Amino acid sequence: YYSSDSDHGRDMLKTVLNVLAHSELKSLIIYLVDKGTLLLDNSNPLFESFQTLISKSEMIIVDDESLTKYQVSCDLDSKISIQSFSSIAEDIILLSDILVLE
């Protein structure tokens, strides 16, 4: 979605968010980097779908530099942790079970 920014892409991403939110996955941790941070902005058309996923997730880790670059204003839920991108990159390198959505 954020690469193509099309209605079709938004529909596809909304489907993925809903499937994840209603899945049986346990201890779901989501990393938001670059334009993915826009999912936290309440003006985003996918904001509500992402809020459902946040409620299901254990933690949302957000790239601080991208929040600043894209001027994302969000209400900080207790599940949201803001980290530098270098810290997120270190985490991602060490993770064994990871699903990347672009």
PDB file of N, CA and C in Angstrom:
ATOM      1  N   TYR A   1       0.828  -1.208   0.000  1.00  0.00           N
ATOM      2  CA  TYR A   1       0.000   0.000   0.000  1.00  0.00           C
ATOM      3  C   TYR A   1       0.858   1.252   0.000  1.00  0.00           C
ATOM      4  N   TYR A   2       1.784   1.331   0.897  1.00  0.00           N
ATOM      5  CA  TYR A   2       2.542   2.573   0.985  1.00  0.00           C
ATOM      6  C   TYR A   2       3.514   2.719  -0.169  1.00  0.00           C
ATOM      7  N   SER A   3       3.833   1.636  -0.816  1.00  0.00           N
ATOM      8  CA  SER A   3       4.684   1.739  -2.003  1.00  0.00           C
ATOM      9  C   SER A   3       3.878   2.216  -3.204  1.00  0.00           C
ATOM     10  N   SER A   4       2.674   1.686  -3.365  1.00  0.00           N
ATOM     11  CA  SER A   4       1.885   2.021  -4.557  1.00  0.00           C
ATOM     12  C   SER A   4       0.828   3.096  -4.296  1.00  0.00           C
ATOM     13  N   ASP A   5       0.397   3.239  -3.058  1.00  0.00           N
ATOM     14  CA  ASP A   5      -0.616   4.225  -2.673  1.00  0.00           C
ATOM     15  C   ASP A   5      -1.812   4.219  -3.615  1.00  0.00           C
ATOM     16  N   SER A   6      -2.463   3.068  -3.717  1.00  0.00           N
ATOM     17  CA  SER A   6      -3.628   2.930  -4.580  1.00  0.00           C
ATOM     18  C   SER A   6      -4.806   2.394  -3.772  1.00  0.00           C
ATOM     19  N   ASP A   7      -6.005   2.579  -4.280  1.00  0.00           N
ATOM     20  CA  ASP A   7      -7.190   2.046  -3.607  1.00  0.00           C
ATOM     21  C   ASP A   7      -7.104   0.527  -3.489  1.00  0.00           C
ATOM     22  N   HIS A   8      -6.637  -0.113  -4.545  1.00  0.00           N
ATOM     23  CA  HIS A   8      -6.494  -1.572  -4.521  1.00  0.00           C
ATOM     24  C   HIS A   8      -5.505  -1.995  -3.432  1.00  0.00           C
ATOM     25  N   GLY A   9      -4.391  -1.302  -3.355  1.00  0.00           N
ATOM     26  CA  GLY A   9      -3.388  -1.612  -2.325  1.00  0.00           C
ATOM     27  C   GLY A   9      -3.944  -1.406  -0.923  1.00  0.00           C
ATOM     28  N   ARG A  10      -4.710  -0.335  -0.725  1.00  0.00           N
ATOM     29  CA  ARG A  10      -5.323  -0.080   0.584  1.00  0.00           C
ATOM     30  C   ARG A  10      -6.307  -1.186   0.943  1.00  0.00           C
ATOM     31  N   ASP A  11      -7.098  -1.635  -0.025  1.00  0.00           N
ATOM     32  CA  ASP A  11      -8.036  -2.733   0.223  1.00  0.00           C
ATOM     33  C   ASP A  11      -7.291  -4.006   0.617  1.00  0.00           C
ATOM     34  N   MET A  12      -6.194  -4.267  -0.069  1.00  0.00           N
ATOM     35  CA  MET A  12      -5.413  -5.467   0.244  1.00  0.00           C
ATOM     36  C   MET A  12      -4.805  -5.373   1.640  1.00  0.00           C
ATOM     37  N   LEU A  13      -4.247  -4.219   1.982  1.00  0.00           N
ATOM     38  CA  LEU A  13      -3.642  -4.063   3.304  1.00  0.00           C
ATOM     39  C   LEU A  13      -4.703  -4.147   4.391  1.00  0.00           C
ATOM     40  N   LYS A  14      -5.873  -3.576   4.150  1.00  0.00           N
ATOM     41  CA  LYS A  14      -6.961  -3.664   5.126  1.00  0.00           C
ATOM     42  C   LYS A  14      -7.336  -5.117   5.371  1.00  0.00           C
ATOM     43  N   THR A  15      -7.372  -5.917   4.319  1.00  0.00           N
ATOM     44  CA  THR A  15      -7.667  -7.345   4.463  1.00  0.00           C
ATOM     45  C   THR A  15      -6.616  -8.033   5.322  1.00  0.00           C
ATOM     46  N   VAL A  16      -5.344  -7.741   5.059  1.00  0.00           N
ATOM     47  CA  VAL A  16      -4.266  -8.352   5.851  1.00  0.00           C
ATOM     48  C   VAL A  16      -4.386  -7.943   7.317  1.00  0.00           C
ATOM     49  N   LEU A  17      -4.624  -6.669   7.586  1.00  0.00           N
ATOM     50  CA  LEU A  17      -4.760  -6.198   8.968  1.00  0.00           C
ATOM     51  C   LEU A  17      -5.920  -6.905   9.668  1.00  0.00           C
ATOM     52  N   ASN A  18      -7.043  -7.056   8.970  1.00  0.00           N
ATOM     53  CA  ASN A  18      -8.202  -7.730   9.567  1.00  0.00           C
ATOM     54  C   ASN A  18      -7.940  -9.212   9.809  1.00  0.00           C
ATOM     55  N   VAL A  19      -7.277  -9.867   8.877  1.00  0.00           N
ATOM     56  CA  VAL A  19      -6.953 -11.288   9.054  1.00  0.00           C
ATOM     57  C   VAL A  19      -6.025 -11.457  10.263  1.00  0.00           C
ATOM     58  N   LEU A  20      -5.010 -10.610  10.371  1.00  0.00           N
ATOM     59  CA  LEU A  20      -4.106 -10.692  11.524  1.00  0.00           C
ATOM     60  C   LEU A  20      -4.848 -10.417  12.829  1.00  0.00           C
ATOM     61  N   ALA A  21      -5.730  -9.420  12.820  1.00  0.00           N
ATOM     62  CA  ALA A  21      -6.466  -9.055  14.030  1.00  0.00           C
ATOM     63  C   ALA A  21      -7.382 -10.173  14.509  1.00  0.00           C
ATOM     64  N   HIS A  22      -7.877 -10.980  13.582  1.00  0.00           N
ATOM     65  CA  HIS A  22      -8.807 -12.046  13.949  1.00  0.00           C
ATOM     66  C   HIS A  22      -8.157 -13.429  13.910  1.00  0.00           C
ATOM     67  N   SER A  23      -6.845 -13.467  13.832  1.00  0.00           N
ATOM     68  CA  SER A  23      -6.138 -14.750  13.777  1.00  0.00           C
ATOM     69  C   SER A  23      -5.928 -15.303  15.189  1.00  0.00           C
ATOM     70  N   GLU A  24      -5.420 -16.491  15.249  1.00  0.00           N
ATOM     71  CA  GLU A  24      -5.107 -17.145  16.514  1.00  0.00           C
ATOM     72  C   GLU A  24      -3.668 -16.893  16.949  1.00  0.00           C
ATOM     73  N   LEU A  25      -2.971 -16.000  16.254  1.00  0.00           N
ATOM     74  CA  LEU A  25      -1.583 -15.713  16.597  1.00  0.00           C
ATOM     75  C   LEU A  25      -1.476 -15.201  18.028  1.00  0.00           C
ATOM     76  N   LYS A  26      -0.474 -15.662  18.722  1.00  0.00           N
ATOM     77  CA  LYS A  26      -0.212 -15.221  20.088  1.00  0.00           C
ATOM     78  C   LYS A  26       1.033 -14.333  20.072  1.00  0.00           C
ATOM     79  N   SER A  27       1.121 -13.455  21.019  1.00  0.00           N
ATOM     80  CA  SER A  27       2.261 -12.537  21.208  1.00  0.00           C
ATOM     81  C   SER A  27       2.703 -11.870  19.899  1.00  0.00           C
ATOM     82  N   LEU A  28       1.779 -11.179  19.289  1.00  0.00           N
ATOM     83  CA  LEU A  28       2.026 -10.461  18.045  1.00  0.00           C
ATOM     84  C   LEU A  28       2.715  -9.134  18.353  1.00  0.00           C
ATOM     85  N   ILE A  29       3.895  -8.933  17.787  1.00  0.00           N
ATOM     86  CA  ILE A  29       4.640  -7.682  17.926  1.00  0.00           C
ATOM     87  C   ILE A  29       4.794  -7.100  16.528  1.00  0.00           C
ATOM     88  N   ILE A  30       4.411  -5.826  16.384  1.00  0.00           N
ATOM     89  CA  ILE A  30       4.438  -5.175  15.078  1.00  0.00           C
ATOM     90  C   ILE A  30       5.457  -4.045  15.102  1.00  0.00           C
ATOM     91  N   TYR A  31       6.295  -4.009  14.084  1.00  0.00           N
ATOM     92  CA  TYR A  31       7.256  -2.922  13.899  1.00  0.00           C
ATOM     93  C   TYR A  31       6.749  -2.039  12.768  1.00  0.00           C
ATOM     94  N   LEU A  32       6.646  -0.742  13.022  1.00  0.00           N
ATOM     95  CA  LEU A  32       6.254   0.206  11.989  1.00  0.00           C
ATOM     96  C   LEU A  32       7.444   1.105  11.675  1.00  0.00           C
ATOM     97  N   VAL A  33       7.850   1.083  10.407  1.00  0.00           N
ATOM     98  CA  VAL A  33       8.952   1.941   9.972  1.00  0.00           C
ATOM     99  C   VAL A  33       8.531   2.684   8.709  1.00  0.00           C
ATOM    100  N   ASP A  34       9.231   3.746   8.411  1.00  0.00           N
ATOM    101  CA  ASP A  34       8.997   4.576   7.239  1.00  0.00           C
ATOM    102  C   ASP A  34       7.506   4.919   7.145  1.00  0.00           C
ATOM    103  N   LYS A  35       6.895   4.782   5.988  1.00  0.00           N
ATOM    104  CA  LYS A  35       5.501   5.200   5.818  1.00  0.00           C
ATOM    105  C   LYS A  35       4.513   4.314   6.563  1.00  0.00           C
ATOM    106  N   GLY A  36       4.969   3.173   7.057  1.00  0.00           N
ATOM    107  CA  GLY A  36       4.108   2.336   7.888  1.00  0.00           C
ATOM    108  C   GLY A  36       3.642   3.068   9.135  1.00  0.00           C
ATOM    109  N   THR A  37       4.431   4.045   9.586  1.00  0.00           N
ATOM    110  CA  THR A  37       4.033   4.822  10.759  1.00  0.00           C
ATOM    111  C   THR A  37       2.752   5.606  10.514  1.00  0.00           C
ATOM    112  N   LEU A  38       2.420   5.840   9.245  1.00  0.00           N
ATOM    113  CA  LEU A  38       1.189   6.573   8.913  1.00  0.00           C
ATOM    114  C   LEU A  38      -0.071   5.824   9.364  1.00  0.00           C
ATOM    115  N   LEU A  39       0.047   4.526   9.628  1.00  0.00           N
ATOM    116  CA  LEU A  39      -1.101   3.765  10.124  1.00  0.00           C
ATOM    117  C   LEU A  39      -1.564   4.261  11.489  1.00  0.00           C
ATOM    118  N   LEU A  40      -0.700   4.981  12.202  1.00  0.00           N
ATOM    119  CA  LEU A  40      -1.055   5.501  13.518  1.00  0.00           C
ATOM    120  C   LEU A  40      -1.752   6.854  13.468  1.00  0.00           C
ATOM    121  N   ASP A  41      -1.765   7.465  12.299  1.00  0.00           N
ATOM    122  CA  ASP A  41      -2.370   8.785  12.160  1.00  0.00           C
ATOM    123  C   ASP A  41      -3.879   8.638  12.004  1.00  0.00           C
ATOM    124  N   ASN A  42      -4.648   9.319  12.856  1.00  0.00           N
ATOM    125  CA  ASN A  42      -6.096   9.123  12.833  1.00  0.00           C
ATOM    126  C   ASN A  42      -6.772   9.625  11.554  1.00  0.00           C
ATOM    127  N   SER A  43      -6.036  10.323  10.689  1.00  0.00           N
ATOM    128  CA  SER A  43      -6.601  10.727   9.393  1.00  0.00           C
ATOM    129  C   SER A  43      -6.382   9.663   8.318  1.00  0.00           C
ATOM    130  N   ASN A  44      -5.642   8.607   8.632  1.00  0.00           N
ATOM    131  CA  ASN A  44      -5.356   7.544   7.683  1.00  0.00           C
ATOM    132  C   ASN A  44      -6.604   6.692   7.453  1.00  0.00           C
ATOM    133  N   PRO A  45      -6.923   6.360   6.178  1.00  0.00           N
ATOM    134  CA  PRO A  45      -8.116   5.554   5.909  1.00  0.00           C
ATOM    135  C   PRO A  45      -8.074   4.157   6.530  1.00  0.00           C
ATOM    136  N   LEU A  46      -6.895   3.683   6.914  1.00  0.00           N
ATOM    137  CA  LEU A  46      -6.775   2.359   7.529  1.00  0.00           C
ATOM    138  C   LEU A  46      -6.613   2.435   9.051  1.00  0.00           C
ATOM    139  N   PHE A  47      -6.748   3.615   9.605  1.00  0.00           N
ATOM    140  CA  PHE A  47      -6.542   3.830  11.039  1.00  0.00           C
ATOM    141  C   PHE A  47      -7.406   2.890  11.888  1.00  0.00           C
ATOM    142  N   GLU A  48      -8.694   2.812  11.589  1.00  0.00           N
ATOM    143  CA  GLU A  48      -9.598   1.990  12.401  1.00  0.00           C
ATOM    144  C   GLU A  48      -9.237   0.507  12.336  1.00  0.00           C
ATOM    145  N   SER A  49      -8.893   0.026  11.141  1.00  0.00           N
ATOM    146  CA  SER A  49      -8.484  -1.378  11.010  1.00  0.00           C
ATOM    147  C   SER A  49      -7.217  -1.641  11.801  1.00  0.00           C
ATOM    148  N   PHE A  50      -6.312  -0.676  11.777  1.00  0.00           N
ATOM    149  CA  PHE A  50      -5.067  -0.868  12.514  1.00  0.00           C
ATOM    150  C   PHE A  50      -5.305  -0.806  14.022  1.00  0.00           C
ATOM    151  N   GLN A  51      -6.249  -0.008  14.478  1.00  0.00           N
ATOM    152  CA  GLN A  51      -6.571   0.054  15.908  1.00  0.00           C
ATOM    153  C   GLN A  51      -7.057  -1.308  16.402  1.00  0.00           C
ATOM    154  N   THR A  52      -7.818  -2.002  15.579  1.00  0.00           N
ATOM    155  CA  THR A  52      -8.274  -3.352  15.930  1.00  0.00           C
ATOM    156  C   THR A  52      -7.077  -4.273  16.110  1.00  0.00           C
ATOM    157  N   LEU A  53      -6.100  -4.144  15.214  1.00  0.00           N
ATOM    158  CA  LEU A  53      -4.901  -4.979  15.315  1.00  0.00           C
ATOM    159  C   LEU A  53      -4.074  -4.608  16.546  1.00  0.00           C
ATOM    160  N   ILE A  54      -4.012  -3.334  16.873  1.00  0.00           N
ATOM    161  CA  ILE A  54      -3.280  -2.912  18.075  1.00  0.00           C
ATOM    162  C   ILE A  54      -3.875  -3.581  19.309  1.00  0.00           C
ATOM    163  N   SER A  55      -5.185  -3.634  19.382  1.00  0.00           N
ATOM    164  CA  SER A  55      -5.829  -4.233  20.559  1.00  0.00           C
ATOM    165  C   SER A  55      -5.484  -5.718  20.692  1.00  0.00           C
ATOM    166  N   LYS A  56      -5.213  -6.371  19.592  1.00  0.00           N
ATOM    167  CA  LYS A  56      -4.856  -7.800  19.588  1.00  0.00           C
ATOM    168  C   LYS A  56      -3.361  -8.011  19.868  1.00  0.00           C
ATOM    169  N   SER A  57      -2.554  -7.004  19.588  1.00  0.00           N
ATOM    170  CA  SER A  57      -1.102  -7.136  19.645  1.00  0.00           C
ATOM    171  C   SER A  57      -0.555  -7.024  21.062  1.00  0.00           C
ATOM    172  N   GLU A  58       0.598  -7.613  21.231  1.00  0.00           N
ATOM    173  CA  GLU A  58       1.314  -7.488  22.496  1.00  0.00           C
ATOM    174  C   GLU A  58       2.034  -6.142  22.559  1.00  0.00           C
ATOM    175  N   MET A  59       2.602  -5.719  21.416  1.00  0.00           N
ATOM    176  CA  MET A  59       3.360  -4.481  21.381  1.00  0.00           C
ATOM    177  C   MET A  59       3.471  -3.966  19.953  1.00  0.00           C
ATOM    178  N   ILE A  60       3.497  -2.636  19.815  1.00  0.00           N
ATOM    179  CA  ILE A  60       3.741  -1.969  18.538  1.00  0.00           C
ATOM    180  C   ILE A  60       5.001  -1.137  18.726  1.00  0.00           C
ATOM    181  N   ILE A  61       6.015  -1.396  17.922  1.00  0.00           N
ATOM    182  CA  ILE A  61       7.273  -0.661  18.016  1.00  0.00           C
ATOM    183  C   ILE A  61       7.378   0.242  16.796  1.00  0.00           C
ATOM    184  N   VAL A  62       7.560   1.542  17.055  1.00  0.00           N
ATOM    185  CA  VAL A  62       7.476   2.546  16.005  1.00  0.00           C
ATOM    186  C   VAL A  62       8.801   3.279  15.859  1.00  0.00           C
ATOM    187  N   ASP A  63       9.166   3.523  14.624  1.00  0.00           N
ATOM    188  CA  ASP A  63      10.386   4.231  14.248  1.00  0.00           C
ATOM    189  C   ASP A  63      10.226   5.741  14.507  1.00  0.00           C
ATOM    190  N   ASP A  64      10.982   6.249  15.465  1.00  0.00           N
ATOM    191  CA  ASP A  64      10.904   7.650  15.877  1.00  0.00           C
ATOM    192  C   ASP A  64      11.218   8.625  14.745  1.00  0.00           C
ATOM    193  N   GLU A  65      12.222   8.305  13.942  1.00  0.00           N
ATOM    194  CA  GLU A  65      12.615   9.198  12.858  1.00  0.00           C
ATOM    195  C   GLU A  65      11.490   9.372  11.834  1.00  0.00           C
ATOM    196  N   SER A  66      10.755   8.297  11.551  1.00  0.00           N
ATOM    197  CA  SER A  66       9.661   8.372  10.577  1.00  0.00           C
ATOM    198  C   SER A  66       8.453   9.113  11.148  1.00  0.00           C
ATOM    199  N   LEU A  67       8.193   8.953  12.439  1.00  0.00           N
ATOM    200  CA  LEU A  67       7.117   9.728  13.056  1.00  0.00           C
ATOM    201  C   LEU A  67       7.368  11.217  12.858  1.00  0.00           C
ATOM    202  N   THR A  68       8.628  11.607  13.041  1.00  0.00           N
ATOM    203  CA  THR A  68       9.003  13.014  12.877  1.00  0.00           C
ATOM    204  C   THR A  68       8.931  13.432  11.413  1.00  0.00           C
ATOM    205  N   LYS A  69       9.509  12.625  10.515  1.00  0.00           N
ATOM    206  CA  LYS A  69       9.548  12.976   9.093  1.00  0.00           C
ATOM    207  C   LYS A  69       8.155  13.168   8.511  1.00  0.00           C
ATOM    208  N   TYR A  70       7.243  12.250   8.823  1.00  0.00           N
ATOM    209  CA  TYR A  70       5.895  12.297   8.258  1.00  0.00           C
ATOM    210  C   TYR A  70       4.906  13.052   9.145  1.00  0.00           C
ATOM    211  N   GLN A  71       5.418  13.630  10.222  1.00  0.00           N
ATOM    212  CA  GLN A  71       4.611  14.434  11.148  1.00  0.00           C
ATOM    213  C   GLN A  71       3.349  13.690  11.583  1.00  0.00           C
ATOM    214  N   VAL A  72       3.551  12.449  12.001  1.00  0.00           N
ATOM    215  CA  VAL A  72       2.440  11.619  12.453  1.00  0.00           C
ATOM    216  C   VAL A  72       2.086  12.009  13.882  1.00  0.00           C
ATOM    217  N   SER A  73       0.855  12.387  14.061  1.00  0.00           N
ATOM    218  CA  SER A  73       0.383  12.663  15.415  1.00  0.00           C
ATOM    219  C   SER A  73      -0.510  11.501  15.824  1.00  0.00           C
ATOM    220  N   CYS A  74      -0.167  10.903  16.929  1.00  0.00           N
ATOM    221  CA  CYS A  74      -0.947   9.753  17.371  1.00  0.00           C
ATOM    222  C   CYS A  74      -1.090   9.786  18.880  1.00  0.00           C
ATOM    223  N   ASP A  75      -2.156   9.170  19.348  1.00  0.00           N
ATOM    224  CA  ASP A  75      -2.332   8.979  20.776  1.00  0.00           C
ATOM    225  C   ASP A  75      -1.495   7.771  21.155  1.00  0.00           C
ATOM    226  N   LEU A  76      -0.651   7.941  22.136  1.00  0.00           N
ATOM    227  CA  LEU A  76       0.226   6.835  22.508  1.00  0.00           C
ATOM    228  C   LEU A  76      -0.516   5.859  23.407  1.00  0.00           C
ATOM    229  N   ASP A  77      -0.825   4.723  22.833  1.00  0.00           N
ATOM    230  CA  ASP A  77      -1.412   3.611  23.548  1.00  0.00           C
ATOM    231  C   ASP A  77      -0.308   3.009  24.414  1.00  0.00           C
ATOM    232  N   SER A  78      -0.674   2.360  25.494  1.00  0.00           N
ATOM    233  CA  SER A  78       0.340   1.760  26.368  1.00  0.00           C
ATOM    234  C   SER A  78       1.118   0.649  25.664  1.00  0.00           C
ATOM    235  N   LYS A  79       0.584   0.140  24.555  1.00  0.00           N
ATOM    236  CA  LYS A  79       1.264  -0.915  23.808  1.00  0.00           C
ATOM    237  C   LYS A  79       2.269  -0.358  22.803  1.00  0.00           C
ATOM    238  N   ILE A  80       2.272   0.952  22.590  1.00  0.00           N
ATOM    239  CA  ILE A  80       3.136   1.555  21.580  1.00  0.00           C
ATOM    240  C   ILE A  80       4.448   2.001  22.211  1.00  0.00           C
ATOM    241  N   SER A  81       5.533   1.521  21.629  1.00  0.00           N
ATOM    242  CA  SER A  81       6.874   1.887  22.074  1.00  0.00           C
ATOM    243  C   SER A  81       7.594   2.572  20.915  1.00  0.00           C
ATOM    244  N   ILE A  82       8.163   3.735  21.173  1.00  0.00           N
ATOM    245  CA  ILE A  82       8.886   4.469  20.133  1.00  0.00           C
ATOM    246  C   ILE A  82      10.380   4.228  20.326  1.00  0.00           C
ATOM    247  N   GLN A  83      11.038   3.804  19.244  1.00  0.00           N
ATOM    248  CA  GLN A  83      12.476   3.514  19.276  1.00  0.00           C
ATOM    249  C   GLN A  83      13.140   4.132  18.059  1.00  0.00           C
ATOM    250  N   SER A  84      14.438   4.281  18.147  1.00  0.00           N
ATOM    251  CA  SER A  84      15.197   4.741  16.980  1.00  0.00           C
ATOM    252  C   SER A  84      15.190   3.630  15.928  1.00  0.00           C
ATOM    253  N   PHE A  85      15.365   4.022  14.674  1.00  0.00           N
ATOM    254  CA  PHE A  85      15.389   3.009  13.625  1.00  0.00           C
ATOM    255  C   PHE A  85      16.575   2.064  13.800  1.00  0.00           C
ATOM    256  N   SER A  86      17.703   2.559  14.278  1.00  0.00           N
ATOM    257  CA  SER A  86      18.860   1.672  14.470  1.00  0.00           C
ATOM    258  C   SER A  86      18.549   0.586  15.498  1.00  0.00           C
ATOM    259  N   SER A  87      17.796   0.920  16.538  1.00  0.00           N
ATOM    260  CA  SER A  87      17.389  -0.078  17.531  1.00  0.00           C
ATOM    261  C   SER A  87      16.444  -1.104  16.911  1.00  0.00           C
ATOM    262  N   ILE A  88      15.517  -0.638  16.085  1.00  0.00           N
ATOM    263  CA  ILE A  88      14.589  -1.546  15.402  1.00  0.00           C
ATOM    264  C   ILE A  88      15.354  -2.458  14.453  1.00  0.00           C
ATOM    265  N   ALA A  89      16.320  -1.906  13.714  1.00  0.00           N
ATOM    266  CA  ALA A  89      17.112  -2.711  12.780  1.00  0.00           C
ATOM    267  C   ALA A  89      17.846  -3.821  13.529  1.00  0.00           C
ATOM    268  N   GLU A  90      18.387  -3.519  14.686  1.00  0.00           N
ATOM    269  CA  GLU A  90      19.065  -4.547  15.492  1.00  0.00           C
ATOM    270  C   GLU A  90      18.090  -5.641  15.913  1.00  0.00           C
ATOM    271  N   ASP A  91      16.876  -5.242  16.329  1.00  0.00           N
ATOM    272  CA  ASP A  91      15.858  -6.231  16.712  1.00  0.00           C
ATOM    273  C   ASP A  91      15.524  -7.148  15.540  1.00  0.00           C
ATOM    274  N   ILE A  92      15.268  -6.549  14.382  1.00  0.00           N
ATOM    275  CA  ILE A  92      14.838  -7.312  13.214  1.00  0.00           C
ATOM    276  C   ILE A  92      15.908  -8.318  12.784  1.00  0.00           C
ATOM    277  N   ILE A  93      17.152  -7.936  12.866  1.00  0.00           N
ATOM    278  CA  ILE A  93      18.250  -8.837  12.491  1.00  0.00           C
ATOM    279  C   ILE A  93      18.236 -10.098  13.351  1.00  0.00           C
ATOM    280  N   LEU A  94      17.856  -9.960  14.612  1.00  0.00           N
ATOM    281  CA  LEU A  94      17.911 -11.083  15.544  1.00  0.00           C
ATOM    282  C   LEU A  94      16.635 -11.921  15.607  1.00  0.00           C
ATOM    283  N   LEU A  95      15.547 -11.439  15.002  1.00  0.00           N
ATOM    284  CA  LEU A  95      14.285 -12.177  15.075  1.00  0.00           C
ATOM    285  C   LEU A  95      14.305 -13.410  14.173  1.00  0.00           C
ATOM    286  N   SER A  96      13.755 -14.512  14.702  1.00  0.00           N
ATOM    287  CA  SER A  96      13.711 -15.729  13.877  1.00  0.00           C
ATOM    288  C   SER A  96      12.378 -15.873  13.142  1.00  0.00           C
ATOM    289  N   ASP A  97      11.283 -15.502  13.774  1.00  0.00           N
ATOM    290  CA  ASP A  97       9.958 -15.605  13.148  1.00  0.00           C
ATOM    291  C   ASP A  97       9.457 -14.213  12.828  1.00  0.00           C
ATOM    292  N   ILE A  98       9.557 -13.830  11.564  1.00  0.00           N
ATOM    293  CA  ILE A  98       9.154 -12.477  11.191  1.00  0.00           C
ATOM    294  C   ILE A  98       8.412 -12.515   9.850  1.00  0.00           C
ATOM    295  N   LEU A  99       7.351 -11.744   9.770  1.00  0.00           N
ATOM    296  CA  LEU A  99       6.581 -11.579   8.538  1.00  0.00           C
ATOM    297  C   LEU A  99       6.703 -10.114   8.150  1.00  0.00           C
ATOM    298  N   VAL A 100       7.177  -9.843   6.958  1.00  0.00           N
ATOM    299  CA  VAL A 100       7.370  -8.468   6.511  1.00  0.00           C
ATOM    300  C   VAL A 100       6.284  -8.125   5.511  1.00  0.00           C
ATOM    301  N   LEU A 101       5.572  -7.022   5.772  1.00  0.00           N
ATOM    302  CA  LEU A 101       4.572  -6.498   4.846  1.00  0.00           C
ATOM    303  C   LEU A 101       5.065  -5.167   4.341  1.00  0.00           C
ATOM    304  N   GLU A 102       5.054  -4.971   3.034  1.00  0.00           N
ATOM    305  CA  GLU A 102       5.499  -3.698   2.469  1.00  0.00           C
ATOM    306  C   GLU A 102       4.368  -3.043   1.733  1.00  0.00           C
TER     307      GLU A 102
END
